[in-house]
């Protein structure tokens, strides 16, 4: 009867230094399947970009989750306010002026007998519209001017720096009182245009500094040495790596623009009736704060929650995009 061959329980693997070591069969098979060979380097993890790391951190941040849910709810009611407020915000009954909460009217009535709940809901649309449009305008204009100044430098950079210094010297509220006092339009566009006019220098200065820092990196210098054009350098190499600070500042500034619109409307130079705005309602309710505080409480509370949500979102985005905070 032929003798059965001996099957070893282990395997011999080279140590890479001229020696050998005994391995269990399972360990030997693991090494064979592991990328990198007997060195045991293991599977190489795919490198992540700044944006993927930021998104991973944001998903784990409760501040981001709470603020994002609040903002999504505000956007929803600004697009479809009639889904949660069935009445017309301009239908008023003077017989119910300054009355408190009643069935079907949880927030009571204002000085004109209008439903405070309905006006608070419909006021969200104006605030979100002004905040988003002003932020987009400021971000686009400031990023383009500041990015070009930081990239080309020279006389263009010097001229833009002096222009931004002039705009920084203009007080925002005082400038709004002067510029918007001559406007007779009841739309939101004059207010948005004013915010873009005085808001772009801040974004421009941030974009300029970020582009100057980014264009000194080795990969940009290598692309330039290989003959990449200015447009390719800006669009493919510099902009994706320099836009993070702009996004952070713009997100925080969005809440500031909403508060600025309410301030200008409160002072009587922003939006005007019959436009439904939190600032207009706060201004009308300030004269009755002792007799009917509910008229002021609800629109002011909605304004505070909205501004706080955007500021919290901006802080969370800043923490996720800033490598120094990791």
Foldseek 3Di string as FASTA:
>chain_A
DDDDDDDDQWDWDDPVPPDIDTGGPVVVVVQVPAPPHPVPPGDDDDDDDLVVQLVVLLVVDVLQVVLVVVVVVLVVLLVPVCVPPVDDQPDADCVQALPQADVVQRLGAHRRRGRLVSLLSNQSNLLLVLLVLLLVLLLVVLLVQLLVCLVPPDPSVVVLVVVLVVLVVDDLLVVLCVPLVPDDDQDQVVLSVSSSVSRNSVLSNLNSVLQNVQCPDPVNVVCVVVPDDPVCSCPPRRCVRRCLVSVLVSLLCSLVSSVVLLVCVLVPRHHDPPDRHLSVQLNSCVVVCPPRVSSNPSSVVSSVSNSVSSNSNSVSSCCSNDPVND
